[in-house]
């Protein structure tokens, strides 16, 4: 496989003559002589109506009893709707609804149970008049089908179409975007001594192959999102290498989603054991990802992330008049 061009992202001002926007960003730029410069600079829209020149904030709404950070906090459909409403009020661009924990060691949830957890919540969010785009966080075709029928707009698959072969067909027929995430192993095995020859290159190549597979199954390449899968079969060193080289994934030609919120590596580096107390470190990682040109930041702490990004955008605004 051809070695991908690695654009070096910058957001300092003033920008020199010849600076190019990275993936359509109004705040991150790069320079270089790349054969696919136009593709690297072009916007990577996620959905019509959503901004393509700044990072989007995806708020997490877990309707699970055992998620690593907030499991069991939403015990009813009404509580989930209120959490969704609060995240939208705080500035979330997308809501990510999940009914199966994929933390290390988590057990698989049957399709009917996962559907029963998620589809009613999505339907209730829509019934409440909330029209913010919704992502269904699932690796199962039946769950995704019910979620899309209830009003979901995006499929977020942590297995990148390796768990359920029928999920590609469901996604292609619905015509919705799908996020393909890298993971080594399953939640039961992924943290049992993960190894790579070159984690940045290996994850990139794997995602490229999964993108090719998705297209072969009828999924529009313009509707594919990629995620390097921080914490999914990675050591602390692997996670840091992927974050440092995140801009390389722009060469795949798809929007980048980064989900690092409250994860164990944040606690390891900051000395914070309780997942729910890792907000400051999580915001720091979100700002780093924004500086790498990531299009979607999947977070628990929406208000804090939105506020931090507002300051980051003002400080990196070329026109100098963003408020």
C-alpha atoms as a PDB file:
ATOM      1  CA  UNK A   1       0.000   0.000   0.000  1.00  0.00           C
ATOM      2  CA  UNK A   2       1.192   3.525  -0.783  1.00  0.00           C
ATOM      3  CA  UNK A   3       2.598   5.354   2.225  1.00  0.00           C
ATOM      4  CA  UNK A   4      -0.014   8.027   3.084  1.00  0.00           C
ATOM      5  CA  UNK A   5       0.965  11.671   3.077  1.00  0.00           C
ATOM      6  CA  UNK A   6       1.062  13.044   6.603  1.00  0.00           C
ATOM      7  CA  UNK A   7      -0.038  16.693   6.614  1.00  0.00           C
ATOM      8  CA  UNK A   8       1.449  18.589   9.539  1.00  0.00           C
ATOM      9  CA  UNK A   9      -1.425  20.571  11.087  1.00  0.00           C
ATOM     10  CA  UNK A  10      -0.910  24.101  12.309  1.00  0.00           C
ATOM     11  CA  UNK A  11      -3.213  26.705  13.769  1.00  0.00           C
ATOM     12  CA  UNK A  12      -0.794  29.529  14.586  1.00  0.00           C
ATOM     13  CA  UNK A  13      -1.261  32.999  13.099  1.00  0.00           C
ATOM     14  CA  UNK A  14      -0.602  34.720  10.827  1.00  0.00           C
ATOM     15  CA  UNK A  15      -0.824  32.064   8.164  1.00  0.00           C
ATOM     16  CA  UNK A  16       1.882  32.216   5.535  1.00  0.00           C
ATOM     17  CA  UNK A  17       1.144  32.659   1.855  1.00  0.00           C
ATOM     18  CA  UNK A  18       0.209  29.336   0.335  1.00  0.00           C
ATOM     19  CA  UNK A  19      -1.248  27.886   3.527  1.00  0.00           C
ATOM     20  CA  UNK A  20      -4.094  25.465   2.829  1.00  0.00           C
ATOM     21  CA  UNK A  21      -7.071  24.586   5.043  1.00  0.00           C
ATOM     22  CA  UNK A  22      -6.859  21.071   6.454  1.00  0.00           C
ATOM     23  CA  UNK A  23     -10.011  19.138   5.527  1.00  0.00           C
ATOM     24  CA  UNK A  24     -11.959  22.357   5.090  1.00  0.00           C
ATOM     25  CA  UNK A  25     -11.160  23.669   8.558  1.00  0.00           C
ATOM     26  CA  UNK A  26     -11.392  27.404   9.140  1.00  0.00           C
ATOM     27  CA  UNK A  27      -8.862  27.070  11.961  1.00  0.00           C
ATOM     28  CA  UNK A  28      -6.292  24.404  11.010  1.00  0.00           C
ATOM     29  CA  UNK A  29      -3.938  24.758   8.069  1.00  0.00           C
ATOM     30  CA  UNK A  30      -1.044  22.942   6.471  1.00  0.00           C
ATOM     31  CA  UNK A  31       1.599  23.372   3.808  1.00  0.00           C
ATOM     32  CA  UNK A  32       3.211  20.849   1.549  1.00  0.00           C
ATOM     33  CA  UNK A  33       3.597  19.449  -1.913  1.00  0.00           C
ATOM     34  CA  UNK A  34       1.172  16.538  -1.848  1.00  0.00           C
ATOM     35  CA  UNK A  35      -0.279  14.981  -5.002  1.00  0.00           C
ATOM     36  CA  UNK A  36      -3.708  14.928  -3.363  1.00  0.00           C
ATOM     37  CA  UNK A  37      -3.510  18.438  -1.882  1.00  0.00           C
ATOM     38  CA  UNK A  38      -6.978  19.322  -3.161  1.00  0.00           C
ATOM     39  CA  UNK A  39      -8.499  16.278  -1.450  1.00  0.00           C
ATOM     40  CA  UNK A  40      -6.679  16.980   1.816  1.00  0.00           C
ATOM     41  CA  UNK A  41      -7.905  20.577   1.794  1.00  0.00           C
ATOM     42  CA  UNK A  42     -11.518  19.936   0.782  1.00  0.00           C
ATOM     43  CA  UNK A  43     -14.259  20.037   3.422  1.00  0.00           C
ATOM     44  CA  UNK A  44     -15.435  16.665   4.759  1.00  0.00           C
ATOM     45  CA  UNK A  45     -19.121  17.273   5.591  1.00  0.00           C
ATOM     46  CA  UNK A  46     -20.791  14.806   7.945  1.00  0.00           C
ATOM     47  CA  UNK A  47     -24.443  15.654   7.284  1.00  0.00           C
ATOM     48  CA  UNK A  48     -26.221  18.425   5.357  1.00  0.00           C
ATOM     49  CA  UNK A  49     -26.883  21.354   7.645  1.00  0.00           C
ATOM     50  CA  UNK A  50     -23.961  20.681   9.983  1.00  0.00           C
ATOM     51  CA  UNK A  51     -20.911  22.976   9.829  1.00  0.00           C
ATOM     52  CA  UNK A  52     -17.968  21.524   7.917  1.00  0.00           C
ATOM     53  CA  UNK A  53     -15.381  24.156   8.915  1.00  0.00           C
ATOM     54  CA  UNK A  54     -15.134  23.441  12.655  1.00  0.00           C
ATOM     55  CA  UNK A  55     -15.160  20.386  14.938  1.00  0.00           C
ATOM     56  CA  UNK A  56     -18.603  18.992  15.728  1.00  0.00           C
ATOM     57  CA  UNK A  57     -19.395  17.945  19.282  1.00  0.00           C
ATOM     58  CA  UNK A  58     -21.093  14.563  19.649  1.00  0.00           C
ATOM     59  CA  UNK A  59     -22.758  14.199  23.042  1.00  0.00           C
ATOM     60  CA  UNK A  60     -22.841  10.722  24.585  1.00  0.00           C
ATOM     61  CA  UNK A  61     -26.180   9.399  25.863  1.00  0.00           C
ATOM     62  CA  UNK A  62     -25.552   5.901  27.226  1.00  0.00           C
ATOM     63  CA  UNK A  63     -28.673   3.924  28.095  1.00  0.00           C
ATOM     64  CA  UNK A  64     -26.690   1.070  29.597  1.00  0.00           C
ATOM     65  CA  UNK A  65     -26.330  -0.200  33.159  1.00  0.00           C
ATOM     66  CA  UNK A  66     -22.596  -0.870  32.841  1.00  0.00           C
ATOM     67  CA  UNK A  67     -20.806   1.739  30.721  1.00  0.00           C
ATOM     68  CA  UNK A  68     -17.393   2.563  32.175  1.00  0.00           C
ATOM     69  CA  UNK A  69     -18.160   6.179  33.088  1.00  0.00           C
ATOM     70  CA  UNK A  70     -21.900   6.808  33.284  1.00  0.00           C
ATOM     71  CA  UNK A  71     -23.531   3.381  33.260  1.00  0.00           C
ATOM     72  CA  UNK A  72     -26.845   3.179  35.071  1.00  0.00           C
ATOM     73  CA  UNK A  73     -27.360   6.928  35.356  1.00  0.00           C
ATOM     74  CA  UNK A  74     -30.251   6.971  32.864  1.00  0.00           C
ATOM     75  CA  UNK A  75     -32.821   4.563  34.240  1.00  0.00           C
ATOM     76  CA  UNK A  76     -35.784   5.593  32.096  1.00  0.00           C
ATOM     77  CA  UNK A  77     -36.681   6.905  28.657  1.00  0.00           C
ATOM     78  CA  UNK A  78     -37.686  10.222  30.229  1.00  0.00           C
ATOM     79  CA  UNK A  79     -34.283  10.573  31.903  1.00  0.00           C
ATOM     80  CA  UNK A  80     -32.516   9.845  28.624  1.00  0.00           C
ATOM     81  CA  UNK A  81     -34.608  12.465  26.810  1.00  0.00           C
ATOM     82  CA  UNK A  82     -33.737  15.044  29.459  1.00  0.00           C
ATOM     83  CA  UNK A  83     -30.041  14.197  29.147  1.00  0.00           C
ATOM     84  CA  UNK A  84     -30.322  14.607  25.381  1.00  0.00           C
ATOM     85  CA  UNK A  85     -32.150  17.920  25.771  1.00  0.00           C
ATOM     86  CA  UNK A  86     -29.509  19.189  28.192  1.00  0.00           C
ATOM     87  CA  UNK A  87     -26.712  18.258  25.811  1.00  0.00           C
ATOM     88  CA  UNK A  88     -28.418  20.011  22.913  1.00  0.00           C
ATOM     89  CA  UNK A  89     -28.899  23.113  25.068  1.00  0.00           C
ATOM     90  CA  UNK A  90     -25.187  22.910  25.934  1.00  0.00           C
ATOM     91  CA  UNK A  91     -24.278  22.947  22.252  1.00  0.00           C
ATOM     92  CA  UNK A  92     -24.104  19.332  21.075  1.00  0.00           C
ATOM     93  CA  UNK A  93     -24.199  19.039  17.283  1.00  0.00           C
ATOM     94  CA  UNK A  94     -24.953  15.284  17.343  1.00  0.00           C
ATOM     95  CA  UNK A  95     -26.342  12.900  19.968  1.00  0.00           C
ATOM     96  CA  UNK A  96     -24.814   9.411  20.192  1.00  0.00           C
ATOM     97  CA  UNK A  97     -27.220   6.873  21.699  1.00  0.00           C
ATOM     98  CA  UNK A  98     -25.693   3.617  22.926  1.00  0.00           C
ATOM     99  CA  UNK A  99     -27.347   0.547  24.423  1.00  0.00           C
ATOM    100  CA  UNK A 100     -24.358  -1.796  24.765  1.00  0.00           C
ATOM    101  CA  UNK A 101     -21.220  -1.090  26.737  1.00  0.00           C
ATOM    102  CA  UNK A 102     -18.022  -1.826  24.832  1.00  0.00           C
ATOM    103  CA  UNK A 103     -15.679  -1.121  27.732  1.00  0.00           C
ATOM    104  CA  UNK A 104     -12.915  -3.702  28.291  1.00  0.00           C
ATOM    105  CA  UNK A 105     -14.464  -6.923  29.595  1.00  0.00           C
ATOM    106  CA  UNK A 106     -18.070  -5.962  28.810  1.00  0.00           C
ATOM    107  CA  UNK A 107     -20.474  -8.761  27.891  1.00  0.00           C
ATOM    108  CA  UNK A 108     -22.423  -8.808  24.651  1.00  0.00           C
ATOM    109  CA  UNK A 109     -26.020  -7.568  24.850  1.00  0.00           C
ATOM    110  CA  UNK A 110     -28.676  -9.489  22.860  1.00  0.00           C
ATOM    111  CA  UNK A 111     -30.149  -7.644  19.875  1.00  0.00           C
ATOM    112  CA  UNK A 112     -33.665  -7.463  21.311  1.00  0.00           C
ATOM    113  CA  UNK A 113     -32.442  -6.063  24.609  1.00  0.00           C
ATOM    114  CA  UNK A 114     -30.179  -3.486  22.972  1.00  0.00           C
ATOM    115  CA  UNK A 115     -33.010  -2.464  20.649  1.00  0.00           C
ATOM    116  CA  UNK A 116     -35.386  -2.108  23.583  1.00  0.00           C
ATOM    117  CA  UNK A 117     -32.908   0.193  25.283  1.00  0.00           C
ATOM    118  CA  UNK A 118     -32.235   2.464  22.307  1.00  0.00           C
ATOM    119  CA  UNK A 119     -35.119   2.673  19.810  1.00  0.00           C
ATOM    120  CA  UNK A 120     -37.698   3.980  22.338  1.00  0.00           C
ATOM    121  CA  UNK A 121     -35.236   6.653  23.488  1.00  0.00           C
ATOM    122  CA  UNK A 122     -34.608   7.827  19.919  1.00  0.00           C
ATOM    123  CA  UNK A 123     -38.336   7.873  19.172  1.00  0.00           C
ATOM    124  CA  UNK A 124     -38.987   9.834  22.370  1.00  0.00           C
ATOM    125  CA  UNK A 125     -36.264  12.369  21.538  1.00  0.00           C
ATOM    126  CA  UNK A 126     -37.914  12.967  18.184  1.00  0.00           C
ATOM    127  CA  UNK A 127     -41.376  13.117  19.780  1.00  0.00           C
ATOM    128  CA  UNK A 128     -40.037  15.786  22.141  1.00  0.00           C
ATOM    129  CA  UNK A 129     -39.272  17.992  19.140  1.00  0.00           C
ATOM    130  CA  UNK A 130     -35.494  17.584  19.300  1.00  0.00           C
ATOM    131  CA  UNK A 131     -34.257  17.521  15.697  1.00  0.00           C
ATOM    132  CA  UNK A 132     -30.517  17.321  16.416  1.00  0.00           C
ATOM    133  CA  UNK A 133     -28.897  14.546  14.362  1.00  0.00           C
ATOM    134  CA  UNK A 134     -28.748  11.235  16.225  1.00  0.00           C
ATOM    135  CA  UNK A 135     -26.115   8.536  15.943  1.00  0.00           C
ATOM    136  CA  UNK A 136     -26.859   4.947  16.983  1.00  0.00           C
ATOM    137  CA  UNK A 137     -23.804   3.392  18.616  1.00  0.00           C
ATOM    138  CA  UNK A 138     -24.153  -0.275  17.652  1.00  0.00           C
ATOM    139  CA  UNK A 139     -22.435  -3.086  15.785  1.00  0.00           C
ATOM    140  CA  UNK A 140     -25.688  -4.941  15.056  1.00  0.00           C
ATOM    141  CA  UNK A 141     -27.923  -4.673  12.002  1.00  0.00           C
ATOM    142  CA  UNK A 142     -31.202  -5.223  13.853  1.00  0.00           C
ATOM    143  CA  UNK A 143     -30.442  -2.506  16.392  1.00  0.00           C
ATOM    144  CA  UNK A 144     -29.401  -0.077  13.663  1.00  0.00           C
ATOM    145  CA  UNK A 145     -32.495  -0.794  11.581  1.00  0.00           C
ATOM    146  CA  UNK A 146     -34.836  -0.074  14.496  1.00  0.00           C
ATOM    147  CA  UNK A 147     -32.885   3.046  15.430  1.00  0.00           C
ATOM    148  CA  UNK A 148     -33.021   4.446  11.895  1.00  0.00           C
ATOM    149  CA  UNK A 149     -36.760   3.769  11.763  1.00  0.00           C
ATOM    150  CA  UNK A 150     -37.100   5.640  15.069  1.00  0.00           C
ATOM    151  CA  UNK A 151     -35.213   8.664  13.732  1.00  0.00           C
ATOM    152  CA  UNK A 152     -31.443   8.018  13.858  1.00  0.00           C
ATOM    153  CA  UNK A 153     -29.291   9.650  11.165  1.00  0.00           C
ATOM    154  CA  UNK A 154     -25.875   7.976  11.579  1.00  0.00           C
ATOM    155  CA  UNK A 155     -24.597   4.484  12.412  1.00  0.00           C
ATOM    156  CA  UNK A 156     -21.547   4.381  14.696  1.00  0.00           C
ATOM    157  CA  UNK A 157     -20.042   0.886  14.491  1.00  0.00           C
ATOM    158  CA  UNK A 158     -17.121   0.086  16.811  1.00  0.00           C
ATOM    159  CA  UNK A 159     -16.451  -3.080  14.804  1.00  0.00           C
ATOM    160  CA  UNK A 160     -16.252  -1.384  11.364  1.00  0.00           C
ATOM    161  CA  UNK A 161     -18.654  -3.934   9.838  1.00  0.00           C
ATOM    162  CA  UNK A 162     -16.750  -6.963  11.144  1.00  0.00           C
ATOM    163  CA  UNK A 163     -19.321  -8.054  13.765  1.00  0.00           C
ATOM    164  CA  UNK A 164     -22.552  -8.258  11.771  1.00  0.00           C
ATOM    165  CA  UNK A 165     -22.282  -8.765   8.018  1.00  0.00           C
ATOM    166  CA  UNK A 166     -25.819  -7.473   7.480  1.00  0.00           C
ATOM    167  CA  UNK A 167     -25.104  -4.057   8.968  1.00  0.00           C
ATOM    168  CA  UNK A 168     -23.530  -2.885   5.700  1.00  0.00           C
ATOM    169  CA  UNK A 169     -26.733  -3.659   3.794  1.00  0.00           C
ATOM    170  CA  UNK A 170     -28.907  -1.913   6.378  1.00  0.00           C
ATOM    171  CA  UNK A 171     -26.704   1.175   6.248  1.00  0.00           C
ATOM    172  CA  UNK A 172     -26.466   1.230   2.457  1.00  0.00           C
ATOM    173  CA  UNK A 173     -30.219   0.869   1.995  1.00  0.00           C
ATOM    174  CA  UNK A 174     -30.932   3.640   4.509  1.00  0.00           C
ATOM    175  CA  UNK A 175     -28.370   5.918   2.860  1.00  0.00           C
ATOM    176  CA  UNK A 176     -27.066   7.161   6.217  1.00  0.00           C
ATOM    177  CA  UNK A 177     -23.436   7.860   7.139  1.00  0.00           C
ATOM    178  CA  UNK A 178     -21.524   5.177   9.011  1.00  0.00           C
ATOM    179  CA  UNK A 179     -18.517   5.535  11.290  1.00  0.00           C
ATOM    180  CA  UNK A 180     -15.974   2.730  10.935  1.00  0.00           C
ATOM    181  CA  UNK A 181     -13.872   2.391  14.086  1.00  0.00           C
ATOM    182  CA  UNK A 182     -10.683   0.405  14.507  1.00  0.00           C
ATOM    183  CA  UNK A 183     -10.563  -2.179  17.278  1.00  0.00           C
ATOM    184  CA  UNK A 184      -8.160  -5.025  17.902  1.00  0.00           C
ATOM    185  CA  UNK A 185     -10.195  -7.912  19.305  1.00  0.00           C
ATOM    186  CA  UNK A 186     -13.533  -7.741  21.102  1.00  0.00           C
ATOM    187  CA  UNK A 187     -14.392  -5.965  24.364  1.00  0.00           C
ATOM    188  CA  UNK A 188     -13.675  -9.256  26.142  1.00  0.00           C
ATOM    189  CA  UNK A 189     -10.151  -9.617  24.665  1.00  0.00           C
ATOM    190  CA  UNK A 190      -8.985  -6.257  23.325  1.00  0.00           C
ATOM    191  CA  UNK A 191      -6.845  -5.183  26.269  1.00  0.00           C
ATOM    192  CA  UNK A 192      -5.089  -8.555  26.630  1.00  0.00           C
ATOM    193  CA  UNK A 193      -1.598  -7.519  25.478  1.00  0.00           C
ATOM    194  CA  UNK A 194      -2.429  -5.636  22.229  1.00  0.00           C
ATOM    195  CA  UNK A 195       0.488  -5.523  19.783  1.00  0.00           C
ATOM    196  CA  UNK A 196       1.261  -3.744  16.493  1.00  0.00           C
ATOM    197  CA  UNK A 197       4.236  -3.561  14.152  1.00  0.00           C
ATOM    198  CA  UNK A 198       3.570   0.166  13.657  1.00  0.00           C
ATOM    199  CA  UNK A 199       0.331   1.237  15.319  1.00  0.00           C
ATOM    200  CA  UNK A 200      -0.193   4.364  13.211  1.00  0.00           C
ATOM    201  CA  UNK A 201       0.434   2.576   9.925  1.00  0.00           C
ATOM    202  CA  UNK A 202      -1.411  -0.607  10.967  1.00  0.00           C
ATOM    203  CA  UNK A 203      -4.564   1.232  12.049  1.00  0.00           C
ATOM    204  CA  UNK A 204      -4.497   3.407   8.922  1.00  0.00           C
ATOM    205  CA  UNK A 205      -4.179   0.413   6.607  1.00  0.00           C
ATOM    206  CA  UNK A 206      -6.900  -1.512   8.441  1.00  0.00           C
ATOM    207  CA  UNK A 207      -9.326   1.406   8.176  1.00  0.00           C
ATOM    208  CA  UNK A 208      -8.518   1.782   4.481  1.00  0.00           C
ATOM    209  CA  UNK A 209      -9.431  -1.863   3.941  1.00  0.00           C
ATOM    210  CA  UNK A 210     -12.667  -1.499   5.904  1.00  0.00           C
ATOM    211  CA  UNK A 211     -13.583   1.558   3.834  1.00  0.00           C
ATOM    212  CA  UNK A 212     -13.022  -0.451   0.662  1.00  0.00           C
ATOM    213  CA  UNK A 213     -15.237  -3.205   2.061  1.00  0.00           C
ATOM    214  CA  UNK A 214     -17.997  -0.738   2.939  1.00  0.00           C
ATOM    215  CA  UNK A 215     -17.959   0.702  -0.578  1.00  0.00           C
ATOM    216  CA  UNK A 216     -18.066  -2.813  -2.050  1.00  0.00           C
ATOM    217  CA  UNK A 217     -21.262  -3.373  -0.045  1.00  0.00           C
ATOM    218  CA  UNK A 218     -22.976  -0.358  -1.568  1.00  0.00           C
ATOM    219  CA  UNK A 219     -22.164   2.323   0.996  1.00  0.00           C
ATOM    220  CA  UNK A 220     -21.490   5.740  -0.541  1.00  0.00           C
ATOM    221  CA  UNK A 221     -17.823   6.639   0.135  1.00  0.00           C
ATOM    222  CA  UNK A 222     -18.935  10.200   0.878  1.00  0.00           C
ATOM    223  CA  UNK A 223     -20.929   8.813   3.817  1.00  0.00           C
ATOM    224  CA  UNK A 224     -18.030   7.064   5.572  1.00  0.00           C
ATOM    225  CA  UNK A 225     -16.500   8.421   8.792  1.00  0.00           C
ATOM    226  CA  UNK A 226     -13.353   6.955  10.373  1.00  0.00           C
ATOM    227  CA  UNK A 227     -12.308   6.530  14.007  1.00  0.00           C
ATOM    228  CA  UNK A 228      -8.866   5.238  15.121  1.00  0.00           C
ATOM    229  CA  UNK A 229     -10.480   3.616  18.156  1.00  0.00           C
ATOM    230  CA  UNK A 230      -8.617   5.098  21.107  1.00  0.00           C
ATOM    231  CA  UNK A 231      -8.576   2.540  23.927  1.00  0.00           C
ATOM    232  CA  UNK A 232      -9.897  -0.332  21.811  1.00  0.00           C
ATOM    233  CA  UNK A 233      -7.033  -2.802  21.808  1.00  0.00           C
ATOM    234  CA  UNK A 234      -4.361  -0.192  22.522  1.00  0.00           C
ATOM    235  CA  UNK A 235      -1.820   0.448  25.254  1.00  0.00           C
ATOM    236  CA  UNK A 236      -1.111   3.893  26.646  1.00  0.00           C
ATOM    237  CA  UNK A 237       1.757   4.213  24.167  1.00  0.00           C
ATOM    238  CA  UNK A 238      -0.453   3.179  21.249  1.00  0.00           C
ATOM    239  CA  UNK A 239      -3.077   5.768  22.201  1.00  0.00           C
ATOM    240  CA  UNK A 240      -0.512   8.567  22.407  1.00  0.00           C
ATOM    241  CA  UNK A 241       1.042   7.634  19.071  1.00  0.00           C
ATOM    242  CA  UNK A 242      -2.368   7.660  17.371  1.00  0.00           C
ATOM    243  CA  UNK A 243      -3.247  11.025  18.883  1.00  0.00           C
ATOM    244  CA  UNK A 244       0.081  12.556  17.877  1.00  0.00           C
ATOM    245  CA  UNK A 245      -0.369  11.301  14.324  1.00  0.00           C
ATOM    246  CA  UNK A 246      -4.105  11.873  14.044  1.00  0.00           C
ATOM    247  CA  UNK A 247      -3.771  14.183  11.042  1.00  0.00           C
ATOM    248  CA  UNK A 248      -2.425  11.285   8.961  1.00  0.00           C
ATOM    249  CA  UNK A 249      -5.945   9.840   8.841  1.00  0.00           C
ATOM    250  CA  UNK A 250      -7.076  12.781   6.689  1.00  0.00           C
ATOM    251  CA  UNK A 251      -5.374  10.975   3.812  1.00  0.00           C
ATOM    252  CA  UNK A 252      -8.172   8.398   3.973  1.00  0.00           C
ATOM    253  CA  UNK A 253     -10.440  11.108   2.562  1.00  0.00           C
ATOM    254  CA  UNK A 254     -13.150  10.794   5.223  1.00  0.00           C
ATOM    255  CA  UNK A 255     -14.180  12.777   8.308  1.00  0.00           C
ATOM    256  CA  UNK A 256     -12.346  11.767  11.492  1.00  0.00           C
ATOM    257  CA  UNK A 257     -14.230  11.006  14.698  1.00  0.00           C
ATOM    258  CA  UNK A 258     -12.218  10.980  17.919  1.00  0.00           C
ATOM    259  CA  UNK A 259     -13.666   9.327  21.019  1.00  0.00           C
ATOM    260  CA  UNK A 260     -11.301   9.679  23.971  1.00  0.00           C
ATOM    261  CA  UNK A 261     -13.597  11.172  26.593  1.00  0.00           C
ATOM    262  CA  UNK A 262     -12.904   9.993  30.163  1.00  0.00           C
ATOM    263  CA  UNK A 263     -10.980   6.945  28.968  1.00  0.00           C
ATOM    264  CA  UNK A 264      -8.485   5.098  31.122  1.00  0.00           C
ATOM    265  CA  UNK A 265      -5.389   6.647  29.524  1.00  0.00           C
ATOM    266  CA  UNK A 266      -6.659  10.086  30.579  1.00  0.00           C
ATOM    267  CA  UNK A 267      -6.817   8.864  34.159  1.00  0.00           C
ATOM    268  CA  UNK A 268      -3.430   7.156  33.931  1.00  0.00           C
ATOM    269  CA  UNK A 269      -1.693  10.294  32.718  1.00  0.00           C
ATOM    270  CA  UNK A 270      -3.513  12.635  35.098  1.00  0.00           C
ATOM    271  CA  UNK A 271      -3.614  10.388  38.165  1.00  0.00           C
ATOM    272  CA  UNK A 272      -7.430  10.483  38.295  1.00  0.00           C
ATOM    273  CA  UNK A 273      -8.939   7.083  39.005  1.00  0.00           C
ATOM    274  CA  UNK A 274     -12.646   7.942  38.848  1.00  0.00           C
ATOM    275  CA  UNK A 275     -13.785   8.110  35.224  1.00  0.00           C
ATOM    276  CA  UNK A 276     -16.436  10.764  35.859  1.00  0.00           C
ATOM    277  CA  UNK A 277     -13.737  13.090  37.274  1.00  0.00           C
ATOM    278  CA  UNK A 278     -11.645  13.080  34.075  1.00  0.00           C
ATOM    279  CA  UNK A 279     -13.351  16.028  32.414  1.00  0.00           C
ATOM    280  CA  UNK A 280     -10.363  18.429  32.362  1.00  0.00           C
ATOM    281  CA  UNK A 281      -8.068  15.853  30.801  1.00  0.00           C
ATOM    282  CA  UNK A 282     -10.745  14.878  28.312  1.00  0.00           C
ATOM    283  CA  UNK A 283     -11.182  18.501  27.224  1.00  0.00           C
ATOM    284  CA  UNK A 284      -7.414  18.764  26.753  1.00  0.00           C
ATOM    285  CA  UNK A 285      -7.491  15.771  24.397  1.00  0.00           C
ATOM    286  CA  UNK A 286     -10.497  17.228  22.541  1.00  0.00           C
ATOM    287  CA  UNK A 287      -8.583  20.474  21.943  1.00  0.00           C
ATOM    288  CA  UNK A 288      -5.600  18.498  20.686  1.00  0.00           C
ATOM    289  CA  UNK A 289      -7.847  16.605  18.271  1.00  0.00           C
ATOM    290  CA  UNK A 290      -9.385  19.880  17.094  1.00  0.00           C
ATOM    291  CA  UNK A 291      -5.877  21.119  16.345  1.00  0.00           C
ATOM    292  CA  UNK A 292      -5.314  17.990  14.264  1.00  0.00           C
ATOM    293  CA  UNK A 293      -8.374  18.824  12.161  1.00  0.00           C
ATOM    294  CA  UNK A 294     -10.729  16.150  13.546  1.00  0.00           C
ATOM    295  CA  UNK A 295     -14.314  16.674  12.404  1.00  0.00           C
ATOM    296  CA  UNK A 296     -16.203  15.038  15.294  1.00  0.00           C
ATOM    297  CA  UNK A 297     -15.372  14.942  19.008  1.00  0.00           C
ATOM    298  CA  UNK A 298     -17.389  12.347  20.942  1.00  0.00           C
ATOM    299  CA  UNK A 299     -17.632  13.546  24.555  1.00  0.00           C
ATOM    300  CA  UNK A 300     -19.461  13.116  27.837  1.00  0.00           C
ATOM    301  CA  UNK A 301     -18.891  16.709  28.987  1.00  0.00           C
ATOM    302  CA  UNK A 302     -20.592  18.722  26.258  1.00  0.00           C
ATOM    303  CA  UNK A 303     -20.819  22.155  27.892  1.00  0.00           C
ATOM    304  CA  UNK A 304     -17.177  22.191  28.939  1.00  0.00           C
ATOM    305  CA  UNK A 305     -15.969  20.989  25.538  1.00  0.00           C
ATOM    306  CA  UNK A 306     -18.138  23.496  23.647  1.00  0.00           C
ATOM    307  CA  UNK A 307     -16.827  26.338  25.816  1.00  0.00           C
ATOM    308  CA  UNK A 308     -13.203  25.296  25.322  1.00  0.00           C
ATOM    309  CA  UNK A 309     -13.681  25.001  21.562  1.00  0.00           C
ATOM    310  CA  UNK A 310     -15.245  28.463  21.392  1.00  0.00           C
ATOM    311  CA  UNK A 311     -12.063  29.930  22.879  1.00  0.00           C
ATOM    312  CA  UNK A 312      -9.870  27.785  20.643  1.00  0.00           C
ATOM    313  CA  UNK A 313     -11.750  28.959  17.558  1.00  0.00           C
ATOM    314  CA  UNK A 314     -11.436  32.612  18.563  1.00  0.00           C
ATOM    315  CA  UNK A 315      -7.695  32.242  19.114  1.00  0.00           C
ATOM    316  CA  UNK A 316      -7.161  30.493  15.779  1.00  0.00           C
ATOM    317  CA  UNK A 317      -9.508  32.612  13.674  1.00  0.00           C
ATOM    318  CA  UNK A 318      -7.655  34.089  10.708  1.00  0.00           C
ATOM    319  CA  UNK A 319     -10.051  37.021  10.355  1.00  0.00           C
ATOM    320  CA  UNK A 320      -9.644  38.034  13.984  1.00  0.00           C
ATOM    321  CA  UNK A 321     -13.307  38.956  14.394  1.00  0.00           C
ATOM    322  CA  UNK A 322     -14.872  35.693  15.593  1.00  0.00           C
ATOM    323  CA  UNK A 323     -16.766  36.210  18.842  1.00  0.00           C
END
